[in-house]
Amino acid sequence: MSNFNADGGAENQWEDRGELAWNEFDWERYLREQDEAVQRYAKFYEASRSAHDRIDKVAEKMNWGQQEWTDESGSDADDDDDEDDDDSPEDVYTLQKNPIFIASKAICLCLGRSWEELAADSTRVPQPLAVSFLASLHRCEEQSVQALHALDFGDYAMAVSLLKRAMAALNATLALLNDESINHLPSVRAWREEAFARFFDLREIWLRVIAECRDELTRPSDEEG
């Protein structure tokens, strides 16, 4: 998938971390940096909303090149020479660093943030709809995160199943906005028209990952080759 690697270079990275001597402060710093990556993606994404290829444009702005997100990005020789660098955030992989995780979280953040701003006014959005939408969006995001956990551990079939669930939840979220009962709510209709592109971008990202997972599942293993 252009500028995205579904694996996130994770297949062996959990083992490569070895005896990582980080305390709670180190991990908090690391997690804050990953939170900033989500915010940075969201900023780039909102600025690229008018571009038809915005997903790939944002990936380029995030510097997500293929080499950076593959298992070959690191060198064993370099590890021996730069032992002190092994504890730097750049050398540590967790799910929070996965490009798909960052993109999905950022787009869901954009959706949730703009909806919360609209739904804060009960005269514009009925409270049952406000709550139902956020709950549905949360289910959608949760399924996608579970899928990425499966992906990180190399379970491509499970990742596909979970991403299909995420897309089903995405469709359910869209169905809430397409219900005839909201046709009399001009503010919700306007928000829906603006938000559609975000929903379809999430769907496009997940479809790309599903396609790559299925390629992996049909690829002959080393033993078969």
N, C-alpha and C. Protein backbone atom coordinates (compact mmCIF):
# COMPACT_ATOMS: atom_id res chain seq x y z
N MET A 1 0.86 -1.16 0.00
CA MET A 1 0.00 0.00 0.00
C MET A 1 0.90 1.22 0.00
N SER A 2 0.72 2.12 -0.94
CA SER A 2 1.67 3.21 -1.10
C SER A 2 1.80 4.02 0.17
N ASN A 3 3.06 4.17 0.63
CA ASN A 3 3.42 4.93 1.81
C ASN A 3 2.94 4.32 3.12
N PHE A 4 2.19 3.22 3.06
CA PHE A 4 1.81 2.51 4.26
C PHE A 4 2.36 1.09 4.16
N ASN A 5 2.86 0.57 5.27
CA ASN A 5 3.21 -0.84 5.35
C ASN A 5 2.32 -1.44 6.41
N ALA A 6 1.47 -2.39 6.03
CA ALA A 6 0.49 -2.92 6.97
C ALA A 6 1.14 -3.50 8.20
N ASP A 7 2.33 -4.10 8.05
CA ASP A 7 3.00 -4.68 9.20
C ASP A 7 3.56 -3.64 10.15
N GLY A 8 3.88 -2.46 9.64
CA GLY A 8 4.52 -1.45 10.46
C GLY A 8 5.90 -1.89 10.91
N GLY A 9 6.49 -2.85 10.19
CA GLY A 9 7.81 -3.32 10.57
C GLY A 9 7.83 -4.00 11.91
N ALA A 10 6.73 -4.67 12.25
CA ALA A 10 6.58 -5.12 13.63
C ALA A 10 6.88 -6.58 13.86
N GLU A 11 7.02 -7.37 12.81
CA GLU A 11 7.05 -8.81 12.96
C GLU A 11 8.09 -9.28 13.96
N ASN A 12 9.28 -8.68 13.93
CA ASN A 12 10.34 -9.11 14.85
C ASN A 12 10.73 -8.03 15.85
N GLN A 13 10.04 -6.91 15.82
CA GLN A 13 10.48 -5.79 16.62
C GLN A 13 10.25 -6.00 18.11
N TRP A 14 9.21 -6.80 18.46
CA TRP A 14 9.00 -7.06 19.88
C TRP A 14 10.21 -7.79 20.46
N GLU A 15 10.77 -8.73 19.69
CA GLU A 15 11.95 -9.45 20.16
C GLU A 15 13.17 -8.55 20.16
N ASP A 16 13.26 -7.65 19.17
CA ASP A 16 14.43 -6.78 19.05
C ASP A 16 14.56 -5.82 20.22
N ARG A 17 13.46 -5.56 20.94
CA ARG A 17 13.55 -4.62 22.04
C ARG A 17 14.42 -5.16 23.17
N GLY A 18 14.49 -6.50 23.28
CA GLY A 18 15.37 -7.10 24.28
C GLY A 18 15.09 -6.58 25.67
N GLU A 19 16.16 -6.32 26.42
CA GLU A 19 16.05 -5.82 27.79
C GLU A 19 16.04 -4.30 27.77
N LEU A 20 14.92 -3.73 27.39
CA LEU A 20 14.81 -2.28 27.30
C LEU A 20 14.68 -1.70 28.71
N ALA A 21 15.67 -0.93 29.12
CA ALA A 21 15.71 -0.41 30.49
C ALA A 21 15.05 0.96 30.55
N TRP A 22 13.74 0.99 30.41
CA TRP A 22 12.99 2.24 30.50
C TRP A 22 12.15 2.24 31.77
N ASN A 23 12.04 3.40 32.39
CA ASN A 23 11.16 3.53 33.54
C ASN A 23 9.84 4.18 33.10
N GLU A 24 8.99 4.48 34.07
CA GLU A 24 7.68 5.06 33.73
C GLU A 24 7.82 6.41 33.05
N PHE A 25 8.80 7.20 33.46
CA PHE A 25 9.01 8.51 32.84
C PHE A 25 9.37 8.35 31.36
N ASP A 26 10.24 7.37 31.05
CA ASP A 26 10.64 7.14 29.66
C ASP A 26 9.44 6.75 28.81
N TRP A 27 8.60 5.86 29.34
CA TRP A 27 7.44 5.42 28.58
C TRP A 27 6.42 6.55 28.43
N GLU A 28 6.27 7.37 29.45
CA GLU A 28 5.35 8.50 29.34
C GLU A 28 5.82 9.46 28.26
N ARG A 29 7.13 9.71 28.22
CA ARG A 29 7.69 10.58 27.18
C ARG A 29 7.44 9.97 25.80
N TYR A 30 7.67 8.68 25.69
CA TYR A 30 7.46 7.98 24.42
C TYR A 30 6.00 8.07 23.98
N LEU A 31 5.07 7.81 24.89
CA LEU A 31 3.65 7.84 24.55
C LEU A 31 3.19 9.25 24.18
N ARG A 32 3.76 10.24 24.84
CA ARG A 32 3.42 11.62 24.46
C ARG A 32 3.88 11.92 23.05
N GLU A 33 5.02 11.40 22.68
CA GLU A 33 5.52 11.60 21.31
C GLU A 33 4.59 10.94 20.30
N GLN A 34 4.07 9.77 20.65
CA GLN A 34 3.15 9.10 19.73
C GLN A 34 1.81 9.83 19.67
N ASP A 35 1.37 10.40 20.81
CA ASP A 35 0.16 11.23 20.80
C ASP A 35 0.35 12.43 19.88
N GLU A 36 1.55 13.01 19.92
CA GLU A 36 1.85 14.14 19.05
C GLU A 36 1.82 13.73 17.58
N ALA A 37 2.22 12.49 17.29
CA ALA A 37 2.18 12.00 15.91
C ALA A 37 0.74 11.93 15.41
N VAL A 38 -0.18 11.50 16.29
CA VAL A 38 -1.60 11.46 15.92
C VAL A 38 -2.11 12.87 15.64
N GLN A 39 -1.75 13.81 16.51
CA GLN A 39 -2.17 15.20 16.32
C GLN A 39 -1.57 15.79 15.04
N ARG A 40 -0.32 15.43 14.76
CA ARG A 40 0.34 15.93 13.55
C ARG A 40 -0.35 15.39 12.31
N TYR A 41 -0.70 14.10 12.33
CA TYR A 41 -1.42 13.52 11.20
C TYR A 41 -2.76 14.24 11.01
N ALA A 42 -3.47 14.45 12.11
CA ALA A 42 -4.77 15.12 12.03
C ALA A 42 -4.63 16.51 11.42
N LYS A 43 -3.58 17.23 11.79
CA LYS A 43 -3.35 18.57 11.25
C LYS A 43 -3.07 18.50 9.75
N PHE A 44 -2.20 17.57 9.33
CA PHE A 44 -1.92 17.42 7.91
C PHE A 44 -3.17 16.99 7.14
N TYR A 45 -3.93 16.10 7.76
CA TYR A 45 -5.13 15.58 7.09
C TYR A 45 -6.15 16.69 6.86
N GLU A 46 -6.40 17.48 7.87
CA GLU A 46 -7.37 18.56 7.72
C GLU A 46 -6.91 19.57 6.68
N ALA A 47 -5.60 19.79 6.60
CA ALA A 47 -5.07 20.74 5.62
C ALA A 47 -5.13 20.19 4.20
N SER A 48 -5.28 18.87 4.06
CA SER A 48 -5.28 18.23 2.74
C SER A 48 -6.66 17.75 2.32
N ARG A 49 -7.69 18.22 3.01
CA ARG A 49 -9.03 17.70 2.77
C ARG A 49 -9.49 17.83 1.32
N SER A 50 -9.01 18.85 0.61
CA SER A 50 -9.47 19.08 -0.76
C SER A 50 -8.76 18.21 -1.79
N ALA A 51 -7.68 17.55 -1.40
CA ALA A 51 -6.91 16.72 -2.33
C ALA A 51 -7.57 15.35 -2.48
N HIS A 52 -7.69 14.88 -3.70
CA HIS A 52 -8.33 13.58 -3.92
C HIS A 52 -7.46 12.44 -3.43
N ASP A 53 -6.14 12.64 -3.42
CA ASP A 53 -5.22 11.62 -2.94
C ASP A 53 -4.66 11.99 -1.57
N ARG A 54 -5.52 12.55 -0.72
CA ARG A 54 -5.07 13.09 0.55
C ARG A 54 -4.45 12.02 1.47
N ILE A 55 -4.91 10.79 1.40
CA ILE A 55 -4.35 9.75 2.27
C ILE A 55 -2.86 9.59 1.99
N ASP A 56 -2.51 9.49 0.72
CA ASP A 56 -1.11 9.31 0.36
C ASP A 56 -0.30 10.60 0.58
N LYS A 57 -0.93 11.74 0.36
CA LYS A 57 -0.22 13.00 0.58
C LYS A 57 0.14 13.17 2.06
N VAL A 58 -0.79 12.81 2.93
CA VAL A 58 -0.51 12.94 4.36
C VAL A 58 0.57 11.94 4.78
N ALA A 59 0.53 10.73 4.20
CA ALA A 59 1.56 9.74 4.51
C ALA A 59 2.94 10.26 4.13
N GLU A 60 3.02 10.96 3.00
CA GLU A 60 4.30 11.54 2.59
C GLU A 60 4.75 12.61 3.58
N LYS A 61 3.81 13.44 4.03
CA LYS A 61 4.16 14.49 4.98
C LYS A 61 4.61 13.90 6.32
N MET A 62 4.11 12.70 6.64
CA MET A 62 4.51 12.02 7.87
C MET A 62 5.83 11.27 7.69
N ASN A 63 6.39 11.34 6.47
CA ASN A 63 7.65 10.65 6.15
C ASN A 63 7.54 9.14 6.32
N TRP A 64 6.40 8.60 5.87
CA TRP A 64 6.20 7.16 5.95
C TRP A 64 6.65 6.51 4.65
N GLY A 65 7.94 6.42 4.46
CA GLY A 65 8.47 5.72 3.30
C GLY A 65 8.45 4.23 3.54
N GLN A 66 8.49 3.45 2.46
CA GLN A 66 8.45 1.99 2.58
C GLN A 66 9.60 1.46 3.42
N GLN A 67 10.82 1.99 3.20
CA GLN A 67 11.99 1.44 3.88
C GLN A 67 11.90 1.64 5.40
N GLU A 68 11.33 2.79 5.79
CA GLU A 68 11.26 3.09 7.22
C GLU A 68 10.36 2.13 7.96
N TRP A 69 9.38 1.55 7.25
CA TRP A 69 8.38 0.72 7.93
C TRP A 69 8.48 -0.74 7.53
N THR A 70 9.67 -1.20 7.19
CA THR A 70 9.87 -2.61 6.88
C THR A 70 10.89 -3.19 7.81
N ASP A 71 10.96 -4.52 7.84
CA ASP A 71 11.89 -5.19 8.74
C ASP A 71 13.33 -4.91 8.39
N GLU A 72 13.59 -4.52 7.13
CA GLU A 72 14.95 -4.28 6.68
C GLU A 72 15.47 -2.91 7.09
N SER A 73 14.63 -2.10 7.75
CA SER A 73 15.03 -0.73 8.05
C SER A 73 16.17 -0.65 9.04
N GLY A 74 16.35 -1.68 9.85
CA GLY A 74 17.43 -1.68 10.82
C GLY A 74 18.54 -2.59 10.39
N SER A 75 19.73 -2.41 10.95
CA SER A 75 20.89 -3.21 10.62
C SER A 75 21.50 -3.78 11.87
N ASP A 76 21.80 -5.08 11.88
CA ASP A 76 22.42 -5.70 13.04
C ASP A 76 23.78 -5.10 13.32
N ALA A 77 24.49 -4.73 12.27
CA ALA A 77 25.82 -4.14 12.45
C ALA A 77 25.71 -2.81 13.18
N ASP A 78 24.69 -2.03 12.81
CA ASP A 78 24.52 -0.75 13.46
C ASP A 78 24.18 -0.92 14.93
N ASP A 79 23.45 -2.02 15.24
CA ASP A 79 23.07 -2.25 16.63
C ASP A 79 24.30 -2.45 17.49
N ASP A 80 25.33 -3.11 16.94
CA ASP A 80 26.54 -3.37 17.71
C ASP A 80 27.33 -2.09 17.95
N ASP A 81 27.28 -1.18 16.97
CA ASP A 81 28.09 0.04 17.06
C ASP A 81 27.43 1.11 17.91
N ASP A 82 26.07 1.07 17.96
CA ASP A 82 25.36 2.17 18.61
C ASP A 82 24.46 1.64 19.72
N GLU A 83 25.05 0.94 20.66
CA GLU A 83 24.25 0.35 21.71
C GLU A 83 23.50 1.41 22.50
N ASP A 84 24.11 2.58 22.67
CA ASP A 84 23.45 3.63 23.44
C ASP A 84 22.21 4.15 22.75
N ASP A 85 22.14 3.99 21.40
CA ASP A 85 21.00 4.51 20.66
C ASP A 85 19.81 3.58 20.73
N ASP A 86 20.00 2.33 21.22
CA ASP A 86 18.91 1.37 21.22
C ASP A 86 17.76 1.81 22.12
N ASP A 87 18.05 2.67 23.10
CA ASP A 87 17.00 3.10 24.01
C ASP A 87 16.33 4.39 23.56
N SER A 88 16.66 4.88 22.37
CA SER A 88 16.03 6.10 21.89
C SER A 88 14.64 5.77 21.34
N PRO A 89 13.67 6.72 21.43
CA PRO A 89 12.31 6.47 20.96
C PRO A 89 12.25 6.03 19.50
N GLU A 90 13.20 6.53 18.68
CA GLU A 90 13.17 6.19 17.26
C GLU A 90 13.40 4.69 17.02
N ASP A 91 14.07 4.03 17.97
CA ASP A 91 14.43 2.63 17.78
C ASP A 91 13.46 1.67 18.44
N VAL A 92 12.42 2.19 19.08
CA VAL A 92 11.47 1.34 19.80
C VAL A 92 10.15 1.30 19.05
N TYR A 93 9.67 0.09 18.79
CA TYR A 93 8.39 -0.06 18.10
C TYR A 93 7.33 -0.54 19.08
N THR A 94 6.18 0.12 19.05
CA THR A 94 4.97 -0.35 19.71
C THR A 94 3.82 -0.12 18.74
N LEU A 95 2.66 -0.61 19.08
CA LEU A 95 1.50 -0.43 18.22
C LEU A 95 1.24 1.05 17.95
N GLN A 96 1.50 1.89 18.95
CA GLN A 96 1.24 3.33 18.79
C GLN A 96 2.06 3.96 17.68
N LYS A 97 3.09 3.27 17.21
CA LYS A 97 3.94 3.82 16.16
C LYS A 97 3.54 3.31 14.77
N ASN A 98 2.59 2.40 14.72
CA ASN A 98 2.14 1.84 13.46
C ASN A 98 1.41 2.92 12.64
N PRO A 99 1.79 3.13 11.38
CA PRO A 99 1.15 4.17 10.57
C PRO A 99 -0.36 4.00 10.45
N ILE A 100 -0.83 2.74 10.36
CA ILE A 100 -2.27 2.51 10.25
C ILE A 100 -2.97 2.92 11.55
N PHE A 101 -2.33 2.61 12.67
CA PHE A 101 -2.87 3.01 13.97
C PHE A 101 -2.97 4.54 14.04
N ILE A 102 -1.90 5.22 13.66
CA ILE A 102 -1.88 6.69 13.74
C ILE A 102 -2.94 7.29 12.82
N ALA A 103 -3.02 6.80 11.58
CA ALA A 103 -3.98 7.35 10.63
C ALA A 103 -5.41 7.11 11.10
N SER A 104 -5.70 5.89 11.55
CA SER A 104 -7.06 5.56 12.00
C SER A 104 -7.44 6.39 13.22
N LYS A 105 -6.53 6.47 14.20
CA LYS A 105 -6.81 7.25 15.40
C LYS A 105 -7.03 8.72 15.05
N ALA A 106 -6.21 9.25 14.15
CA ALA A 106 -6.29 10.67 13.81
C ALA A 106 -7.60 11.01 13.11
N ILE A 107 -8.01 10.16 12.16
CA ILE A 107 -9.25 10.45 11.44
C ILE A 107 -10.46 10.29 12.36
N CYS A 108 -10.43 9.26 13.22
CA CYS A 108 -11.51 9.11 14.21
C CYS A 108 -11.52 10.30 15.15
N LEU A 109 -10.35 10.81 15.50
CA LEU A 109 -10.25 11.99 16.36
C LEU A 109 -10.90 13.19 15.68
N CYS A 110 -10.63 13.37 14.40
CA CYS A 110 -11.22 14.49 13.65
C CYS A 110 -12.74 14.37 13.63
N LEU A 111 -13.23 13.16 13.40
CA LEU A 111 -14.68 12.94 13.39
C LEU A 111 -15.29 13.22 14.76
N GLY A 112 -14.69 12.62 15.79
CA GLY A 112 -15.25 12.77 17.13
C GLY A 112 -15.20 14.19 17.62
N ARG A 113 -14.09 14.86 17.35
CA ARG A 113 -13.92 16.23 17.84
C ARG A 113 -14.95 17.17 17.21
N SER A 114 -15.13 17.06 15.90
CA SER A 114 -16.08 17.95 15.24
C SER A 114 -17.52 17.62 15.62
N TRP A 115 -17.80 16.31 15.83
CA TRP A 115 -19.16 15.93 16.26
C TRP A 115 -19.45 16.44 17.67
N GLU A 116 -18.49 16.31 18.57
CA GLU A 116 -18.68 16.79 19.94
C GLU A 116 -18.96 18.29 19.97
N GLU A 117 -18.27 19.02 19.11
CA GLU A 117 -18.49 20.47 19.04
C GLU A 117 -19.91 20.78 18.59
N LEU A 118 -20.39 20.00 17.60
CA LEU A 118 -21.75 20.21 17.11
C LEU A 118 -22.78 19.76 18.14
N ALA A 119 -22.56 18.56 18.71
CA ALA A 119 -23.56 17.96 19.60
C ALA A 119 -23.60 18.60 20.98
N ALA A 120 -22.65 19.47 21.29
CA ALA A 120 -22.68 20.16 22.58
C ALA A 120 -23.93 21.02 22.72
N ASP A 121 -24.50 21.41 21.58
CA ASP A 121 -25.73 22.20 21.57
C ASP A 121 -26.91 21.26 21.32
N SER A 122 -27.69 21.00 22.34
CA SER A 122 -28.80 20.03 22.23
C SER A 122 -29.90 20.51 21.29
N THR A 123 -29.90 21.80 20.95
CA THR A 123 -30.90 22.29 20.01
C THR A 123 -30.52 21.95 18.57
N ARG A 124 -29.26 21.57 18.37
CA ARG A 124 -28.79 21.24 17.02
C ARG A 124 -28.76 19.73 16.80
N VAL A 125 -28.46 18.97 17.85
CA VAL A 125 -28.40 17.52 17.76
C VAL A 125 -29.15 16.91 18.93
N PRO A 126 -30.15 16.08 18.68
CA PRO A 126 -30.84 15.40 19.78
C PRO A 126 -29.84 14.55 20.58
N GLN A 127 -29.96 14.58 21.90
CA GLN A 127 -28.99 13.88 22.73
C GLN A 127 -28.92 12.37 22.48
N PRO A 128 -30.04 11.67 22.22
CA PRO A 128 -29.91 10.25 21.89
C PRO A 128 -29.03 9.99 20.67
N LEU A 129 -29.19 10.83 19.65
CA LEU A 129 -28.36 10.69 18.46
C LEU A 129 -26.90 11.03 18.77
N ALA A 130 -26.68 12.07 19.58
CA ALA A 130 -25.32 12.47 19.92
C ALA A 130 -24.58 11.33 20.60
N VAL A 131 -25.24 10.68 21.56
CA VAL A 131 -24.60 9.58 22.30
C VAL A 131 -24.44 8.36 21.42
N SER A 132 -25.46 8.02 20.66
CA SER A 132 -25.41 6.82 19.81
C SER A 132 -24.30 6.92 18.77
N PHE A 133 -24.13 8.10 18.21
CA PHE A 133 -23.08 8.28 17.21
C PHE A 133 -21.70 8.08 17.82
N LEU A 134 -21.43 8.70 18.96
CA LEU A 134 -20.12 8.58 19.58
C LEU A 134 -19.85 7.14 20.01
N ALA A 135 -20.86 6.45 20.51
CA ALA A 135 -20.69 5.05 20.90
C ALA A 135 -20.38 4.18 19.70
N SER A 136 -21.05 4.43 18.59
CA SER A 136 -20.82 3.66 17.38
C SER A 136 -19.44 3.93 16.81
N LEU A 137 -19.02 5.19 16.83
CA LEU A 137 -17.69 5.54 16.35
C LEU A 137 -16.61 4.88 17.22
N HIS A 138 -16.86 4.82 18.53
CA HIS A 138 -15.91 4.17 19.43
C HIS A 138 -15.79 2.69 19.12
N ARG A 139 -16.91 2.02 18.84
CA ARG A 139 -16.87 0.59 18.49
C ARG A 139 -16.06 0.37 17.22
N CYS A 140 -16.25 1.27 16.28
CA CYS A 140 -15.52 1.20 15.02
C CYS A 140 -14.01 1.31 15.26
N GLU A 141 -13.60 2.29 16.06
CA GLU A 141 -12.18 2.49 16.35
C GLU A 141 -11.62 1.31 17.14
N GLU A 142 -12.39 0.79 18.09
CA GLU A 142 -11.93 -0.32 18.92
C GLU A 142 -11.64 -1.56 18.08
N GLN A 143 -12.52 -1.87 17.13
CA GLN A 143 -12.31 -3.03 16.27
C GLN A 143 -11.07 -2.86 15.42
N SER A 144 -10.82 -1.65 14.94
CA SER A 144 -9.64 -1.42 14.11
C SER A 144 -8.35 -1.58 14.92
N VAL A 145 -8.37 -1.13 16.18
CA VAL A 145 -7.19 -1.29 17.03
C VAL A 145 -6.94 -2.76 17.31
N GLN A 146 -7.99 -3.52 17.57
CA GLN A 146 -7.83 -4.96 17.78
C GLN A 146 -7.24 -5.62 16.53
N ALA A 147 -7.67 -5.16 15.37
CA ALA A 147 -7.14 -5.72 14.12
C ALA A 147 -5.65 -5.45 13.99
N LEU A 148 -5.22 -4.28 14.40
CA LEU A 148 -3.80 -3.95 14.31
C LEU A 148 -2.97 -4.73 15.32
N HIS A 149 -3.56 -5.06 16.45
CA HIS A 149 -2.87 -5.96 17.39
C HIS A 149 -2.63 -7.31 16.71
N ALA A 150 -3.67 -7.84 16.05
CA ALA A 150 -3.52 -9.11 15.35
C ALA A 150 -2.47 -9.01 14.25
N LEU A 151 -2.47 -7.89 13.56
CA LEU A 151 -1.51 -7.67 12.48
C LEU A 151 -0.09 -7.65 13.01
N ASP A 152 0.11 -7.00 14.14
CA ASP A 152 1.43 -6.92 14.73
C ASP A 152 1.99 -8.29 15.10
N PHE A 153 1.09 -9.21 15.44
CA PHE A 153 1.54 -10.55 15.81
C PHE A 153 1.48 -11.53 14.64
N GLY A 154 1.29 -10.98 13.43
CA GLY A 154 1.35 -11.79 12.23
C GLY A 154 0.14 -12.65 11.97
N ASP A 155 -0.99 -12.39 12.64
CA ASP A 155 -2.21 -13.16 12.40
C ASP A 155 -3.05 -12.42 11.37
N TYR A 156 -2.72 -12.62 10.10
CA TYR A 156 -3.35 -11.85 9.03
C TYR A 156 -4.83 -12.17 8.87
N ALA A 157 -5.20 -13.44 9.05
CA ALA A 157 -6.61 -13.82 8.88
C ALA A 157 -7.47 -13.15 9.95
N MET A 158 -6.99 -13.14 11.19
CA MET A 158 -7.74 -12.49 12.25
C MET A 158 -7.81 -10.99 12.02
N ALA A 159 -6.72 -10.40 11.53
CA ALA A 159 -6.72 -8.97 11.23
C ALA A 159 -7.78 -8.64 10.19
N VAL A 160 -7.91 -9.48 9.16
CA VAL A 160 -8.94 -9.25 8.15
C VAL A 160 -10.33 -9.31 8.76
N SER A 161 -10.58 -10.33 9.59
CA SER A 161 -11.89 -10.48 10.22
C SER A 161 -12.24 -9.27 11.09
N LEU A 162 -11.26 -8.80 11.85
CA LEU A 162 -11.51 -7.66 12.73
C LEU A 162 -11.70 -6.36 11.94
N LEU A 163 -10.97 -6.22 10.85
CA LEU A 163 -11.15 -5.01 10.03
C LEU A 163 -12.51 -5.04 9.33
N LYS A 164 -12.99 -6.22 8.99
CA LYS A 164 -14.34 -6.33 8.42
C LYS A 164 -15.37 -5.92 9.46
N ARG A 165 -15.11 -6.27 10.72
CA ARG A 165 -16.00 -5.83 11.79
C ARG A 165 -15.94 -4.32 11.95
N ALA A 166 -14.73 -3.78 11.83
CA ALA A 166 -14.58 -2.32 11.94
C ALA A 166 -15.38 -1.63 10.85
N MET A 167 -15.34 -2.18 9.64
CA MET A 167 -16.08 -1.56 8.54
C MET A 167 -17.59 -1.73 8.72
N ALA A 168 -18.01 -2.84 9.31
CA ALA A 168 -19.43 -3.01 9.61
C ALA A 168 -19.88 -1.96 10.63
N ALA A 169 -19.02 -1.71 11.64
CA ALA A 169 -19.33 -0.67 12.62
C ALA A 169 -19.33 0.71 11.96
N LEU A 170 -18.44 0.89 10.99
CA LEU A 170 -18.39 2.16 10.25
C LEU A 170 -19.69 2.36 9.47
N ASN A 171 -20.18 1.30 8.84
CA ASN A 171 -21.44 1.38 8.11
C ASN A 171 -22.61 1.69 9.05
N ALA A 172 -22.57 1.08 10.25
CA ALA A 172 -23.63 1.34 11.23
C ALA A 172 -23.61 2.80 11.68
N THR A 173 -22.40 3.35 11.80
CA THR A 173 -22.28 4.76 12.19
C THR A 173 -22.84 5.66 11.11
N LEU A 174 -22.52 5.33 9.86
CA LEU A 174 -23.07 6.10 8.74
C LEU A 174 -24.59 5.98 8.66
N ALA A 175 -25.10 4.80 9.00
CA ALA A 175 -26.55 4.58 8.94
C ALA A 175 -27.28 5.51 9.91
N LEU A 176 -26.65 5.80 11.04
CA LEU A 176 -27.26 6.73 11.99
C LEU A 176 -27.45 8.10 11.35
N LEU A 177 -26.49 8.48 10.51
CA LEU A 177 -26.55 9.80 9.88
C LEU A 177 -27.45 9.82 8.65
N ASN A 178 -27.75 8.63 8.12
CA ASN A 178 -28.58 8.56 6.93
C ASN A 178 -30.05 8.31 7.25
N ASP A 179 -30.36 8.18 8.52
CA ASP A 179 -31.74 7.92 8.92
C ASP A 179 -32.64 9.10 8.55
N GLU A 180 -33.83 8.77 8.09
CA GLU A 180 -34.76 9.82 7.65
C GLU A 180 -35.14 10.77 8.78
N SER A 181 -35.00 10.29 10.01
CA SER A 181 -35.42 11.12 11.15
C SER A 181 -34.57 12.37 11.33
N ILE A 182 -33.40 12.41 10.70
CA ILE A 182 -32.55 13.60 10.87
C ILE A 182 -32.69 14.58 9.71
N ASN A 183 -33.56 14.29 8.77
CA ASN A 183 -33.71 15.17 7.62
C ASN A 183 -34.17 16.57 8.00
N HIS A 184 -34.80 16.68 9.15
CA HIS A 184 -35.28 18.00 9.59
C HIS A 184 -34.23 18.75 10.40
N LEU A 185 -33.01 18.18 10.48
CA LEU A 185 -31.94 18.80 11.25
C LEU A 185 -30.86 19.32 10.30
N PRO A 186 -30.97 20.58 9.89
CA PRO A 186 -30.02 21.11 8.90
C PRO A 186 -28.57 21.07 9.37
N SER A 187 -28.32 21.27 10.65
CA SER A 187 -26.94 21.27 11.15
C SER A 187 -26.32 19.88 11.04
N VAL A 188 -27.12 18.83 11.31
CA VAL A 188 -26.62 17.45 11.20
C VAL A 188 -26.41 17.09 9.75
N ARG A 189 -27.31 17.50 8.89
CA ARG A 189 -27.16 17.21 7.46
C ARG A 189 -25.89 17.86 6.92
N ALA A 190 -25.65 19.09 7.32
CA ALA A 190 -24.44 19.80 6.85
C ALA A 190 -23.19 19.10 7.37
N TRP A 191 -23.19 18.68 8.64
CA TRP A 191 -22.04 17.99 9.20
C TRP A 191 -21.82 16.67 8.47
N ARG A 192 -22.91 15.98 8.18
CA ARG A 192 -22.81 14.69 7.49
C ARG A 192 -22.14 14.85 6.13
N GLU A 193 -22.53 15.85 5.38
CA GLU A 193 -21.95 16.05 4.06
C GLU A 193 -20.45 16.33 4.15
N GLU A 194 -20.07 17.08 5.16
CA GLU A 194 -18.65 17.40 5.32
C GLU A 194 -17.86 16.19 5.82
N ALA A 195 -18.50 15.33 6.60
CA ALA A 195 -17.79 14.21 7.25
C ALA A 195 -17.68 12.98 6.36
N PHE A 196 -18.48 12.88 5.32
CA PHE A 196 -18.49 11.68 4.49
C PHE A 196 -17.09 11.29 4.02
N ALA A 197 -16.32 12.27 3.59
CA ALA A 197 -14.98 11.98 3.07
C ALA A 197 -14.12 11.30 4.12
N ARG A 198 -14.26 11.69 5.38
CA ARG A 198 -13.47 11.08 6.45
C ARG A 198 -13.84 9.61 6.63
N PHE A 199 -15.14 9.33 6.58
CA PHE A 199 -15.58 7.94 6.70
C PHE A 199 -15.00 7.08 5.57
N PHE A 200 -15.06 7.59 4.37
CA PHE A 200 -14.58 6.81 3.24
C PHE A 200 -13.05 6.70 3.22
N ASP A 201 -12.36 7.68 3.80
CA ASP A 201 -10.90 7.56 3.93
C ASP A 201 -10.53 6.43 4.91
N LEU A 202 -11.27 6.35 6.02
CA LEU A 202 -11.05 5.23 6.95
C LEU A 202 -11.28 3.90 6.24
N ARG A 203 -12.37 3.84 5.49
CA ARG A 203 -12.68 2.61 4.77
C ARG A 203 -11.59 2.27 3.77
N GLU A 204 -11.07 3.28 3.07
CA GLU A 204 -10.03 3.05 2.07
C GLU A 204 -8.75 2.53 2.72
N ILE A 205 -8.36 3.11 3.85
CA ILE A 205 -7.16 2.66 4.55
C ILE A 205 -7.30 1.20 4.96
N TRP A 206 -8.44 0.86 5.55
CA TRP A 206 -8.64 -0.51 6.02
C TRP A 206 -8.73 -1.51 4.87
N LEU A 207 -9.33 -1.09 3.76
CA LEU A 207 -9.39 -1.97 2.59
C LEU A 207 -8.00 -2.25 2.04
N ARG A 208 -7.13 -1.25 2.08
CA ARG A 208 -5.75 -1.47 1.63
C ARG A 208 -5.04 -2.49 2.53
N VAL A 209 -5.26 -2.36 3.83
CA VAL A 209 -4.64 -3.30 4.75
C VAL A 209 -5.18 -4.71 4.53
N ILE A 210 -6.49 -4.82 4.35
CA ILE A 210 -7.10 -6.13 4.10
C ILE A 210 -6.49 -6.76 2.85
N ALA A 211 -6.32 -5.96 1.81
CA ALA A 211 -5.74 -6.48 0.56
C ALA A 211 -4.33 -7.00 0.80
N GLU A 212 -3.54 -6.27 1.57
CA GLU A 212 -2.17 -6.72 1.84
C GLU A 212 -2.16 -7.97 2.70
N CYS A 213 -3.07 -8.03 3.67
CA CYS A 213 -3.17 -9.24 4.51
C CYS A 213 -3.51 -10.45 3.67
N ARG A 214 -4.44 -10.29 2.75
CA ARG A 214 -4.83 -11.42 1.91
C ARG A 214 -3.69 -11.83 0.98
N ASP A 215 -2.90 -10.85 0.54
CA ASP A 215 -1.71 -11.19 -0.25
C ASP A 215 -0.76 -12.04 0.58
N GLU A 216 -0.57 -11.67 1.83
CA GLU A 216 0.31 -12.44 2.71
C GLU A 216 -0.22 -13.85 2.92
N LEU A 217 -1.53 -13.98 3.05
CA LEU A 217 -2.13 -15.29 3.30
C LEU A 217 -2.00 -16.23 2.10
N THR A 218 -1.95 -15.66 0.90
CA THR A 218 -1.85 -16.49 -0.30
C THR A 218 -0.42 -16.66 -0.78
N ARG A 219 0.53 -15.95 -0.14
CA ARG A 219 1.93 -16.02 -0.54
C ARG A 219 2.55 -17.33 -0.02
N PRO A 220 3.27 -18.06 -0.87
CA PRO A 220 3.90 -19.30 -0.38
C PRO A 220 4.89 -19.00 0.73
N SER A 221 4.91 -19.85 1.74
CA SER A 221 5.87 -19.67 2.83
C SER A 221 7.25 -20.09 2.37
N ASP A 222 8.26 -19.72 3.17
CA ASP A 222 9.64 -20.08 2.82
C ASP A 222 9.81 -21.59 2.70
N GLU A 223 9.09 -22.34 3.57
CA GLU A 223 9.21 -23.78 3.52
C GLU A 223 8.66 -24.35 2.22
N GLU A 224 7.55 -23.72 1.73
CA GLU A 224 6.94 -24.20 0.50
C GLU A 224 7.78 -23.80 -0.70
N GLY A 225 8.46 -22.61 -0.58
CA GLY A 225 9.24 -22.11 -1.71
C GLY A 225 10.45 -22.95 -1.95
